[in-house]
Amino acid sequence: MQSCLRQNQDLSSEIEQKEIAGDICLQDKLYLRRKKQNVCMQLLAQKLFGILKDTVPNARNVVSTSSIMLFFKYLKLNVNITIDESIAIVVLLQRFVSKQTEKGIQILSSRNIGTMLVVLAIVALKANRDHTYKNSCFAKEFGIPLAVLNESENEFMKIMDNTLFIDESEFSQLQNQIFKI
């Protein structure tokens, strides 16, 4: 994680220096921004994996940082997920884990990590956009029966007490923690 943080800081510094010097063309700027976004996604994938491995027995057997990174890249390519929406996924997973503990239940398991990641993406997108893809699109893309995906989303929302709002301080705190801003 430290190397990703260093890489992120180096890229930010490189972009700023070139912008100040007026020595950056649009193509370079886009390339550096894409590269920075990939580093951010890597940090978010590491954070998600850390939460899952600390919470779910045998999580390491079914998910990895690289598989979560592939999931984020897929979401970026297909639904244009933003860094802010990706941070929301992490916040919602943290909150879900806390709510499970609070309520004395254990829903998240090594058998449903994949479905949970899809549900987290769906609810993060729904909470942050006016229009998003239907659950049937996600069900088809990820090979999850629509009834299972809908029921999983409903159960997620029940455990979350139907609350998806993320206040600015909670968001900023996680953003600072992940990106060491």
C-alpha atoms as a PDB file:
ATOM      1  CA  MET A   1       0.000   0.000   0.000  1.00  0.00           C
ATOM      2  CA  GLN A   2       2.891   2.335   0.756  1.00  0.00           C
ATOM      3  CA  SER A   3       4.220   2.022  -2.801  1.00  0.00           C
ATOM      4  CA  CYS A   4       0.768   2.889  -4.196  1.00  0.00           C
ATOM      5  CA  LEU A   5       0.615   5.926  -1.906  1.00  0.00           C
ATOM      6  CA  ARG A   6       4.075   7.038  -3.001  1.00  0.00           C
ATOM      7  CA  GLN A   7       3.114   6.473  -6.643  1.00  0.00           C
ATOM      8  CA  ASN A   8      -0.073   8.510  -6.174  1.00  0.00           C
ATOM      9  CA  GLN A   9       1.853  11.373  -4.547  1.00  0.00           C
ATOM     10  CA  ASP A  10       4.534  11.245  -7.259  1.00  0.00           C
ATOM     11  CA  LEU A  11       1.904  11.399 -10.020  1.00  0.00           C
ATOM     12  CA  SER A  12       0.128  14.317  -8.347  1.00  0.00           C
ATOM     13  CA  SER A  13       3.420  16.147  -8.017  1.00  0.00           C
ATOM     14  CA  GLU A  14       4.380  15.418 -11.630  1.00  0.00           C
ATOM     15  CA  ILE A  15       1.030  16.711 -12.921  1.00  0.00           C
ATOM     16  CA  GLU A  16       1.266  19.878 -10.801  1.00  0.00           C
ATOM     17  CA  GLN A  17       4.862  20.595 -11.836  1.00  0.00           C
ATOM     18  CA  LYS A  18       4.089  20.183 -15.530  1.00  0.00           C
ATOM     19  CA  GLU A  19       0.941  22.323 -15.245  1.00  0.00           C
ATOM     20  CA  ILE A  20       2.842  25.099 -13.467  1.00  0.00           C
ATOM     21  CA  ALA A  21       5.602  25.009 -16.074  1.00  0.00           C
ATOM     22  CA  GLY A  22       2.992  24.983 -18.835  1.00  0.00           C
ATOM     23  CA  ASP A  23       4.811  21.927 -20.159  1.00  0.00           C
ATOM     24  CA  ILE A  24       1.960  19.461 -20.477  1.00  0.00           C
ATOM     25  CA  CYS A  25      -0.173  18.636 -23.453  1.00  0.00           C
ATOM     26  CA  LEU A  26      -3.732  17.343 -23.188  1.00  0.00           C
ATOM     27  CA  GLN A  27      -2.717  13.793 -24.109  1.00  0.00           C
ATOM     28  CA  ASP A  28      -0.063  13.705 -21.348  1.00  0.00           C
ATOM     29  CA  LYS A  29      -2.508  15.167 -18.872  1.00  0.00           C
ATOM     30  CA  LEU A  30      -5.119  12.517 -19.694  1.00  0.00           C
ATOM     31  CA  TYR A  31      -2.519   9.750 -19.456  1.00  0.00           C
ATOM     32  CA  LEU A  32      -1.289  10.941 -16.064  1.00  0.00           C
ATOM     33  CA  ARG A  33      -4.821  11.363 -14.743  1.00  0.00           C
ATOM     34  CA  ARG A  34      -5.736   7.818 -15.894  1.00  0.00           C
ATOM     35  CA  LYS A  35      -2.618   6.492 -14.245  1.00  0.00           C
ATOM     36  CA  LYS A  36      -3.477   8.345 -11.023  1.00  0.00           C
ATOM     37  CA  GLN A  37      -7.015   6.964 -11.145  1.00  0.00           C
ATOM     38  CA  ASN A  38      -5.618   3.429 -11.456  1.00  0.00           C
ATOM     39  CA  VAL A  39      -3.458   4.003  -8.385  1.00  0.00           C
ATOM     40  CA  CYS A  40      -6.517   5.279  -6.487  1.00  0.00           C
ATOM     41  CA  MET A  41      -8.506   2.206  -7.532  1.00  0.00           C
ATOM     42  CA  GLN A  42      -5.625   0.003  -6.356  1.00  0.00           C
ATOM     43  CA  LEU A  43      -5.675   1.673  -2.931  1.00  0.00           C
ATOM     44  CA  LEU A  44      -9.449   1.250  -2.712  1.00  0.00           C
ATOM     45  CA  ALA A  45      -9.174  -2.421  -3.725  1.00  0.00           C
ATOM     46  CA  GLN A  46      -6.574  -2.945  -0.994  1.00  0.00           C
ATOM     47  CA  LYS A  47      -8.857  -1.294   1.568  1.00  0.00           C
ATOM     48  CA  LEU A  48     -11.856  -3.412   0.529  1.00  0.00           C
ATOM     49  CA  PHE A  49      -9.778  -6.578   0.638  1.00  0.00           C
ATOM     50  CA  GLY A  50      -8.491  -5.655   4.102  1.00  0.00           C
ATOM     51  CA  ILE A  51     -12.044  -5.223   5.400  1.00  0.00           C
ATOM     52  CA  LEU A  52     -13.158  -8.515   3.861  1.00  0.00           C
ATOM     53  CA  LYS A  53     -10.210 -10.571   5.121  1.00  0.00           C
ATOM     54  CA  ASP A  54     -10.622  -9.128   8.634  1.00  0.00           C
ATOM     55  CA  THR A  55     -14.365  -9.778   8.661  1.00  0.00           C
ATOM     56  CA  VAL A  56     -15.028 -12.907   6.631  1.00  0.00           C
ATOM     57  CA  PRO A  57     -13.473 -16.257   7.530  1.00  0.00           C
ATOM     58  CA  ASN A  58     -11.673 -17.756   4.506  1.00  0.00           C
ATOM     59  CA  ALA A  59     -12.114 -14.564   2.463  1.00  0.00           C
ATOM     60  CA  ARG A  60      -8.578 -14.982   1.131  1.00  0.00           C
ATOM     61  CA  ASN A  61      -9.687 -18.208  -0.556  1.00  0.00           C
ATOM     62  CA  VAL A  62     -12.277 -16.466  -2.716  1.00  0.00           C
ATOM     63  CA  VAL A  63     -11.158 -12.867  -3.220  1.00  0.00           C
ATOM     64  CA  SER A  64      -7.924 -10.912  -3.576  1.00  0.00           C
ATOM     65  CA  THR A  65      -6.831  -7.345  -4.064  1.00  0.00           C
ATOM     66  CA  SER A  66      -6.234  -8.082  -7.743  1.00  0.00           C
ATOM     67  CA  SER A  67      -9.719  -9.583  -8.231  1.00  0.00           C
ATOM     68  CA  ILE A  68     -11.280  -6.526  -6.573  1.00  0.00           C
ATOM     69  CA  MET A  69      -9.118  -4.325  -8.793  1.00  0.00           C
ATOM     70  CA  LEU A  70     -10.448  -6.172 -11.852  1.00  0.00           C
ATOM     71  CA  PHE A  71     -13.978  -5.609 -10.549  1.00  0.00           C
ATOM     72  CA  PHE A  72     -13.303  -1.861 -10.237  1.00  0.00           C
ATOM     73  CA  LYS A  73     -11.775  -1.743 -13.733  1.00  0.00           C
ATOM     74  CA  TYR A  74     -14.818  -3.550 -15.100  1.00  0.00           C
ATOM     75  CA  LEU A  75     -17.104  -1.022 -13.377  1.00  0.00           C
ATOM     76  CA  LYS A  76     -15.007   1.849 -14.730  1.00  0.00           C
ATOM     77  CA  LEU A  77     -15.202   0.543 -18.293  1.00  0.00           C
ATOM     78  CA  ASN A  78     -18.868  -0.452 -18.249  1.00  0.00           C
ATOM     79  CA  VAL A  79     -20.655   1.974 -15.920  1.00  0.00           C
ATOM     80  CA  ASN A  80     -18.002   4.693 -15.653  1.00  0.00           C
ATOM     81  CA  ILE A  81     -17.765   4.404 -11.877  1.00  0.00           C
ATOM     82  CA  THR A  82     -16.020   7.357 -10.268  1.00  0.00           C
ATOM     83  CA  ILE A  83     -13.470   7.426  -7.463  1.00  0.00           C
ATOM     84  CA  ASP A  84     -16.119   9.011  -5.207  1.00  0.00           C
ATOM     85  CA  GLU A  85     -18.580   6.179  -5.952  1.00  0.00           C
ATOM     86  CA  SER A  86     -15.799   3.672  -5.287  1.00  0.00           C
ATOM     87  CA  ILE A  87     -15.081   5.326  -1.938  1.00  0.00           C
ATOM     88  CA  ALA A  88     -18.809   5.055  -1.217  1.00  0.00           C
ATOM     89  CA  ILE A  89     -18.541   1.285  -1.771  1.00  0.00           C
ATOM     90  CA  VAL A  90     -15.857   1.101   0.914  1.00  0.00           C
ATOM     91  CA  VAL A  91     -17.845   3.274   3.343  1.00  0.00           C
ATOM     92  CA  LEU A  92     -20.967   1.166   2.795  1.00  0.00           C
ATOM     93  CA  LEU A  93     -19.067  -2.088   3.362  1.00  0.00           C
ATOM     94  CA  GLN A  94     -17.589  -0.711   6.594  1.00  0.00           C
ATOM     95  CA  ARG A  95     -21.024   0.381   7.730  1.00  0.00           C
ATOM     96  CA  PHE A  96     -22.572  -2.966   6.764  1.00  0.00           C
ATOM     97  CA  VAL A  97     -19.953  -4.851   8.789  1.00  0.00           C
ATOM     98  CA  SER A  98     -20.634  -2.605  11.798  1.00  0.00           C
ATOM     99  CA  LYS A  99     -24.392  -3.054  11.465  1.00  0.00           C
ATOM    100  CA  GLN A 100     -23.987  -6.848  11.323  1.00  0.00           C
ATOM    101  CA  THR A 101     -21.990  -6.773  14.545  1.00  0.00           C
ATOM    102  CA  GLU A 102     -24.434  -4.349  16.167  1.00  0.00           C
ATOM    103  CA  LYS A 103     -27.379  -6.598  15.295  1.00  0.00           C
ATOM    104  CA  GLY A 104     -25.572  -9.819  16.227  1.00  0.00           C
ATOM    105  CA  ILE A 105     -25.910 -11.392  12.782  1.00  0.00           C
ATOM    106  CA  GLN A 106     -23.435 -12.651  10.206  1.00  0.00           C
ATOM    107  CA  ILE A 107     -24.741 -12.366   6.653  1.00  0.00           C
ATOM    108  CA  LEU A 108     -21.459 -11.746   4.849  1.00  0.00           C
ATOM    109  CA  SER A 109     -19.590 -14.995   4.203  1.00  0.00           C
ATOM    110  CA  SER A 110     -17.036 -16.422   1.808  1.00  0.00           C
ATOM    111  CA  ARG A 111     -19.951 -17.832  -0.232  1.00  0.00           C
ATOM    112  CA  ASN A 112     -21.522 -14.437  -0.941  1.00  0.00           C
ATOM    113  CA  ILE A 113     -18.591 -12.003  -1.207  1.00  0.00           C
ATOM    114  CA  GLY A 114     -19.039 -11.672  -4.981  1.00  0.00           C
ATOM    115  CA  THR A 115     -22.745 -10.943  -4.690  1.00  0.00           C
ATOM    116  CA  MET A 116     -22.020  -8.463  -1.889  1.00  0.00           C
ATOM    117  CA  LEU A 117     -19.533  -6.577  -4.074  1.00  0.00           C
ATOM    118  CA  VAL A 118     -22.125  -6.326  -6.855  1.00  0.00           C
ATOM    119  CA  VAL A 119     -24.789  -5.158  -4.364  1.00  0.00           C
ATOM    120  CA  LEU A 120     -22.379  -2.568  -2.955  1.00  0.00           C
ATOM    121  CA  ALA A 121     -21.736  -1.251  -6.475  1.00  0.00           C
ATOM    122  CA  ILE A 122     -25.461  -1.132  -7.262  1.00  0.00           C
ATOM    123  CA  VAL A 123     -26.425   0.756  -4.114  1.00  0.00           C
ATOM    124  CA  ALA A 124     -23.440   3.131  -4.393  1.00  0.00           C
ATOM    125  CA  LEU A 125     -24.450   3.970  -7.957  1.00  0.00           C
ATOM    126  CA  LYS A 126     -28.128   4.355  -7.040  1.00  0.00           C
ATOM    127  CA  ALA A 127     -27.220   6.635  -4.129  1.00  0.00           C
ATOM    128  CA  ASN A 128     -24.998   8.860  -6.280  1.00  0.00           C
ATOM    129  CA  ARG A 129     -26.745   9.016  -9.659  1.00  0.00           C
ATOM    130  CA  ASP A 130     -30.112  10.049 -10.977  1.00  0.00           C
ATOM    131  CA  HIS A 131     -30.094   7.226 -13.529  1.00  0.00           C
ATOM    132  CA  THR A 132     -28.257   3.925 -13.442  1.00  0.00           C
ATOM    133  CA  TYR A 133     -28.464   0.464 -14.914  1.00  0.00           C
ATOM    134  CA  LYS A 134     -31.226  -1.879 -13.808  1.00  0.00           C
ATOM    135  CA  ASN A 135     -30.466  -4.785 -11.516  1.00  0.00           C
ATOM    136  CA  SER A 136     -31.272  -7.125 -14.402  1.00  0.00           C
ATOM    137  CA  CYS A 137     -28.244  -5.760 -16.299  1.00  0.00           C
ATOM    138  CA  PHE A 138     -25.949  -6.447 -13.344  1.00  0.00           C
ATOM    139  CA  ALA A 139     -27.518  -9.881 -12.821  1.00  0.00           C
ATOM    140  CA  LYS A 140     -26.879 -10.802 -16.444  1.00  0.00           C
ATOM    141  CA  GLU A 141     -23.328  -9.376 -16.478  1.00  0.00           C
ATOM    142  CA  PHE A 142     -22.233 -11.151 -13.307  1.00  0.00           C
ATOM    143  CA  GLY A 143     -24.222 -14.370 -13.739  1.00  0.00           C
ATOM    144  CA  ILE A 144     -26.331 -13.859 -10.628  1.00  0.00           C
ATOM    145  CA  PRO A 145     -30.006 -14.850 -10.785  1.00  0.00           C
ATOM    146  CA  LEU A 146     -32.066 -11.648 -10.712  1.00  0.00           C
ATOM    147  CA  ALA A 147     -34.181 -12.904  -7.794  1.00  0.00           C
ATOM    148  CA  VAL A 148     -31.017 -13.550  -5.760  1.00  0.00           C
ATOM    149  CA  LEU A 149     -29.598 -10.114  -6.582  1.00  0.00           C
ATOM    150  CA  ASN A 150     -32.857  -8.341  -5.714  1.00  0.00           C
ATOM    151  CA  GLU A 151     -33.213 -10.281  -2.446  1.00  0.00           C
ATOM    152  CA  SER A 152     -29.568  -9.576  -1.581  1.00  0.00           C
ATOM    153  CA  GLU A 153     -30.087  -5.861  -2.165  1.00  0.00           C
ATOM    154  CA  ASN A 154     -33.250  -5.915  -0.021  1.00  0.00           C
ATOM    155  CA  GLU A 155     -31.459  -7.712   2.822  1.00  0.00           C
ATOM    156  CA  PHE A 156     -28.540  -5.301   2.544  1.00  0.00           C
ATOM    157  CA  MET A 157     -30.905  -2.352   2.839  1.00  0.00           C
ATOM    158  CA  LYS A 158     -32.692  -3.900   5.853  1.00  0.00           C
ATOM    159  CA  ILE A 159     -29.405  -4.417   7.666  1.00  0.00           C
ATOM    160  CA  MET A 160     -28.396  -0.855   6.755  1.00  0.00           C
ATOM    161  CA  ASP A 161     -31.746   0.398   8.126  1.00  0.00           C
ATOM    162  CA  ASN A 162     -32.449   1.767   4.627  1.00  0.00           C
ATOM    163  CA  THR A 163     -29.751   4.405   5.099  1.00  0.00           C
ATOM    164  CA  LEU A 164     -27.158   5.026   2.411  1.00  0.00           C
ATOM    165  CA  PHE A 165     -26.395   8.676   3.115  1.00  0.00           C
ATOM    166  CA  ILE A 166     -22.696   9.319   3.677  1.00  0.00           C
ATOM    167  CA  ASP A 167     -21.990  12.640   5.312  1.00  0.00           C
ATOM    168  CA  GLU A 168     -19.075  14.711   4.136  1.00  0.00           C
ATOM    169  CA  SER A 169     -16.970  14.172   7.264  1.00  0.00           C
ATOM    170  CA  GLU A 170     -17.282  10.367   7.063  1.00  0.00           C
ATOM    171  CA  PHE A 171     -16.424  10.462   3.369  1.00  0.00           C
ATOM    172  CA  SER A 172     -13.456  12.804   3.872  1.00  0.00           C
ATOM    173  CA  GLN A 173     -12.141  10.787   6.791  1.00  0.00           C
ATOM    174  CA  LEU A 174     -12.029   7.597   4.717  1.00  0.00           C
ATOM    175  CA  GLN A 175     -10.638   9.440   1.710  1.00  0.00           C
ATOM    176  CA  ASN A 176      -7.834  10.876   3.858  1.00  0.00           C
ATOM    177  CA  GLN A 177      -7.178   7.503   5.465  1.00  0.00           C
ATOM    178  CA  ILE A 178      -6.923   5.678   2.129  1.00  0.00           C
ATOM    179  CA  PHE A 179      -5.039   8.310   0.154  1.00  0.00           C
ATOM    180  CA  LYS A 180      -3.072   9.777   3.090  1.00  0.00           C
ATOM    181  CA  ILE A 181      -4.015  13.289   1.990  1.00  0.00           C
END
